[in-house]
Amino acid sequence: MPGAWRAKNKKGEYDDGQNYDPTGYSSPLGSPRRDKRQCMNSYLWRPPGKALDPLTEESRSFSSALARWHRDHDAEGALEALDAYERRFPRGQIQVEARILRAEVLLSRGREGEGLAALDQVPLSGLPRGRELATVRGELRVKHGRCVEGRRDLSDVLAKGSADGLGRRAARAIRLCP
C-alpha cells in the first residue's frame, strides 16, 4: 500500500525487497511503473479515459517518424513510420511536412528519384524553407532531364535573390539546361 509504514533492516533497506515508492505510482506487485510526470512528457501519455483529438493523434504519428530520423538517425525506421503515418492519415493536416521529411530522408540515402517524386507532390510557395526546397527540387529536375520544370523552380529562386548560396546554386543548375 503506498505510503504505508514498512520495516527496514540494519542496512536501511526494506526487508520485503520490493521497491518502495512513497508517491504511490508503484504497481501493487512492486514492479516499478513510470512516474506520471515522466509520462506526461512522453508523446504516449494521455489521461485515462480521454480520447485524443485527431490532430493530436496525427501529430504524434508524425513525431514518431521525426524522432526516428532526427534523434535516432534511423532512415529506414523513419520511412516505415512515415508509411504508417500516410496509411493512417491519407489526407492529414501535416501531410506537407511528412512529404518534406520523406524527401529529406530519401535524398540523404542517395535515392534521388524517390526524393524528387516526394518533392514533386509539395507546393513550395509560402513555406518557411520554400526557397531552399525549390533549389533542391530544381537541381534534381535538371539532373533528371526535366529542364522546363527545373528552370521554373530555379527562376523563382533567382527572382528572390542571386547573391546568396541558394541563388548561386540555382544559377549554376540553370546553366546545365540546354
Protein backbone atom coordinates (compact mmCIF):
# COMPACT_ATOMS: atom_id res chain seq x y z
CA MET A 1 0.00 0.00 0.00
CA PRO A 2 1.54 3.36 -0.98
CA GLY A 3 2.72 5.42 1.95
CA ALA A 4 2.30 2.54 4.42
CA TRP A 5 4.89 2.08 7.12
CA ARG A 6 7.36 -0.74 6.41
CA ALA A 7 10.22 -2.10 8.48
CA LYS A 8 13.82 -1.53 7.41
CA ASN A 9 16.76 -3.88 8.01
CA LYS A 10 20.11 -2.84 9.55
CA LYS A 11 21.35 -1.53 6.18
CA GLY A 12 18.39 0.82 5.90
CA GLU A 13 16.73 -1.23 3.17
CA TYR A 14 13.20 -2.53 3.21
CA ASP A 15 13.04 -6.16 4.29
CA ASP A 16 10.49 -7.36 1.77
CA GLY A 17 12.75 -6.49 -1.20
CA GLN A 18 10.06 -4.55 -3.02
CA ASN A 19 10.65 -1.12 -4.47
CA TYR A 20 9.04 1.36 -2.13
CA ASP A 21 7.56 4.40 -3.84
CA PRO A 22 6.06 6.96 -1.46
CA THR A 23 4.45 8.82 -4.39
CA GLY A 24 2.03 5.94 -4.89
CA TYR A 25 2.95 5.30 -8.52
CA SER A 26 4.27 1.79 -7.97
CA SER A 27 2.24 -1.14 -9.14
CA PRO A 28 0.78 -3.43 -6.47
CA LEU A 29 3.29 -6.16 -7.29
CA GLY A 30 6.25 -3.91 -6.60
CA SER A 31 7.49 -3.62 -10.17
CA PRO A 32 8.34 -0.02 -10.95
CA ARG A 33 5.92 1.88 -13.12
CA ARG A 34 6.68 5.09 -14.99
CA ASP A 35 6.20 8.24 -12.98
CA LYS A 36 3.21 10.31 -14.15
CA ARG A 37 5.39 13.39 -14.71
CA GLN A 38 7.74 11.36 -16.90
CA CYS A 39 4.78 10.01 -18.87
CA MET A 40 3.28 13.46 -19.32
CA ASN A 41 6.46 14.48 -21.15
CA SER A 42 6.18 11.41 -23.32
CA TYR A 43 4.20 11.55 -26.53
CA LEU A 44 2.43 8.36 -25.42
CA TRP A 45 0.80 9.64 -22.24
CA ARG A 46 -2.82 10.64 -22.09
CA PRO A 47 -5.21 10.98 -19.18
CA PRO A 48 -7.15 7.76 -18.55
CA GLY A 49 -10.49 7.65 -20.34
CA LYS A 50 -9.81 10.67 -22.54
CA ALA A 51 -9.68 10.29 -26.30
CA LEU A 52 -7.24 12.46 -28.19
CA ASP A 53 -8.37 14.83 -30.88
CA PRO A 54 -7.49 13.81 -34.47
CA LEU A 55 -4.80 16.47 -34.94
CA THR A 56 -3.02 15.35 -31.76
CA GLU A 57 -3.11 11.73 -32.94
CA GLU A 58 -1.76 12.82 -36.33
CA SER A 59 0.97 14.92 -34.73
CA ARG A 60 2.08 12.02 -32.56
CA SER A 61 2.21 9.70 -35.55
CA PHE A 62 4.34 12.20 -37.48
CA SER A 63 6.55 12.95 -34.48
CA SER A 64 7.49 9.28 -34.20
CA ALA A 65 8.90 9.45 -37.75
CA LEU A 66 10.63 12.73 -36.97
CA ALA A 67 12.20 11.29 -33.82
CA ARG A 68 13.45 8.20 -35.65
CA TRP A 69 15.15 10.43 -38.19
CA HIS A 70 16.49 13.31 -36.11
CA ARG A 71 17.11 11.62 -32.76
CA ASP A 72 17.88 8.02 -33.75
CA HIS A 73 19.37 8.69 -37.22
CA ASP A 74 17.35 5.68 -38.42
CA ALA A 75 16.41 6.37 -42.04
CA GLU A 76 14.62 3.09 -42.67
CA GLY A 77 12.72 3.36 -39.39
CA ALA A 78 11.70 6.92 -40.27
CA LEU A 79 10.46 5.81 -43.69
CA GLU A 80 8.47 2.98 -42.08
CA ALA A 81 6.95 5.44 -39.61
CA LEU A 82 6.10 7.80 -42.48
CA ASP A 83 4.45 4.93 -44.35
CA ALA A 84 2.36 4.19 -41.25
CA TYR A 85 1.52 7.90 -40.90
CA GLU A 86 0.37 8.12 -44.54
CA ARG A 87 -1.73 4.95 -44.25
CA ARG A 88 -3.43 6.25 -41.12
CA PHE A 89 -3.82 9.89 -42.24
CA PRO A 90 -4.01 9.92 -46.06
CA ARG A 91 -5.43 13.46 -46.08
CA GLY A 92 -3.71 14.68 -42.95
CA GLN A 93 -3.26 18.27 -41.93
CA ILE A 94 0.53 17.95 -41.75
CA GLN A 95 0.91 15.99 -44.99
CA VAL A 96 3.23 18.65 -46.46
CA GLU A 97 5.67 18.29 -43.57
CA ALA A 98 5.53 14.50 -43.89
CA ARG A 99 6.37 14.66 -47.60
CA ILE A 100 9.25 17.06 -46.98
CA LEU A 101 10.63 14.75 -44.29
CA ARG A 102 10.28 11.79 -46.64
CA ALA A 103 12.20 13.68 -49.35
CA GLU A 104 14.91 14.64 -46.86
CA VAL A 105 15.36 11.04 -45.70
CA LEU A 106 15.35 9.63 -49.22
CA LEU A 107 17.83 12.20 -50.51
CA SER A 108 20.17 11.52 -47.58
CA ARG A 109 20.17 7.84 -48.61
CA GLY A 110 21.04 8.71 -52.23
CA ARG A 111 17.57 7.81 -53.52
CA GLU A 112 17.23 10.93 -55.68
CA GLY A 113 14.43 9.73 -57.93
CA GLU A 114 12.18 8.89 -54.99
CA GLY A 115 13.16 12.09 -53.19
CA LEU A 116 12.27 14.12 -56.27
CA ALA A 117 8.93 12.31 -56.53
CA ALA A 118 8.19 13.29 -52.92
CA LEU A 119 9.16 16.93 -53.56
CA ASP A 120 7.03 17.00 -56.73
CA GLN A 121 3.96 16.48 -54.53
CA VAL A 122 4.68 19.54 -52.36
CA PRO A 123 3.58 23.09 -53.15
CA LEU A 124 6.65 25.07 -52.06
CA SER A 125 5.41 28.65 -52.28
CA GLY A 126 4.87 30.16 -48.86
CA LEU A 127 6.78 27.50 -46.94
CA PRO A 128 9.47 28.69 -44.50
CA ARG A 129 12.11 26.64 -46.36
CA GLY A 130 10.41 27.07 -49.72
CA ARG A 131 13.34 28.73 -51.45
CA GLU A 132 15.79 26.08 -50.26
CA LEU A 133 13.44 23.27 -51.26
CA ALA A 134 12.80 24.89 -54.66
CA THR A 135 16.55 24.98 -55.23
CA VAL A 136 16.92 21.29 -54.39
CA ARG A 137 13.90 20.31 -56.45
CA GLY A 138 15.07 22.44 -59.39
CA GLU A 139 18.56 20.92 -59.29
CA LEU A 140 17.10 17.42 -59.19
CA ARG A 141 14.70 18.15 -62.04
CA VAL A 142 17.56 19.44 -64.19
CA LYS A 143 19.71 16.44 -63.28
CA HIS A 144 16.90 14.06 -64.26
CA GLY A 145 16.31 15.77 -67.61
CA ARG A 146 13.26 17.81 -66.65
CA CYS A 147 14.72 21.18 -67.60
CA VAL A 148 11.46 23.05 -68.18
CA GLU A 149 10.23 22.30 -64.67
CA GLY A 150 13.69 22.78 -63.23
CA ARG A 151 14.03 26.21 -64.83
CA ARG A 152 10.68 27.23 -63.36
CA ASP A 153 11.81 26.30 -59.82
CA LEU A 154 15.24 27.84 -60.21
CA SER A 155 13.92 31.04 -61.79
CA ASP A 156 11.68 31.51 -58.75
CA VAL A 157 14.75 31.10 -56.54
CA LEU A 158 16.74 33.63 -58.56
CA ALA A 159 13.84 36.12 -58.53
CA LYS A 160 14.21 36.34 -54.74
CA GLY A 161 17.97 36.97 -54.90
CA SER A 162 21.03 35.68 -56.67
CA ALA A 163 23.84 36.81 -54.38
CA ASP A 164 23.44 34.16 -51.67
CA GLY A 165 24.34 30.48 -51.79
CA LEU A 166 20.92 29.37 -52.99
CA GLY A 167 21.00 31.91 -55.81
CA ARG A 168 24.46 30.76 -56.90
CA ARG A 169 23.33 27.12 -56.86
CA ALA A 170 20.23 27.99 -58.90
CA ALA A 171 22.27 29.91 -61.49
CA ARG A 172 24.75 27.04 -61.77
CA ALA A 173 21.95 24.47 -62.26
CA ILE A 174 20.17 26.56 -64.90
CA ARG A 175 23.37 26.70 -66.95
CA LEU A 176 23.24 22.88 -67.18
CA CYS A 177 19.95 23.02 -69.13
CA PRO A 178 20.23 23.21 -72.92
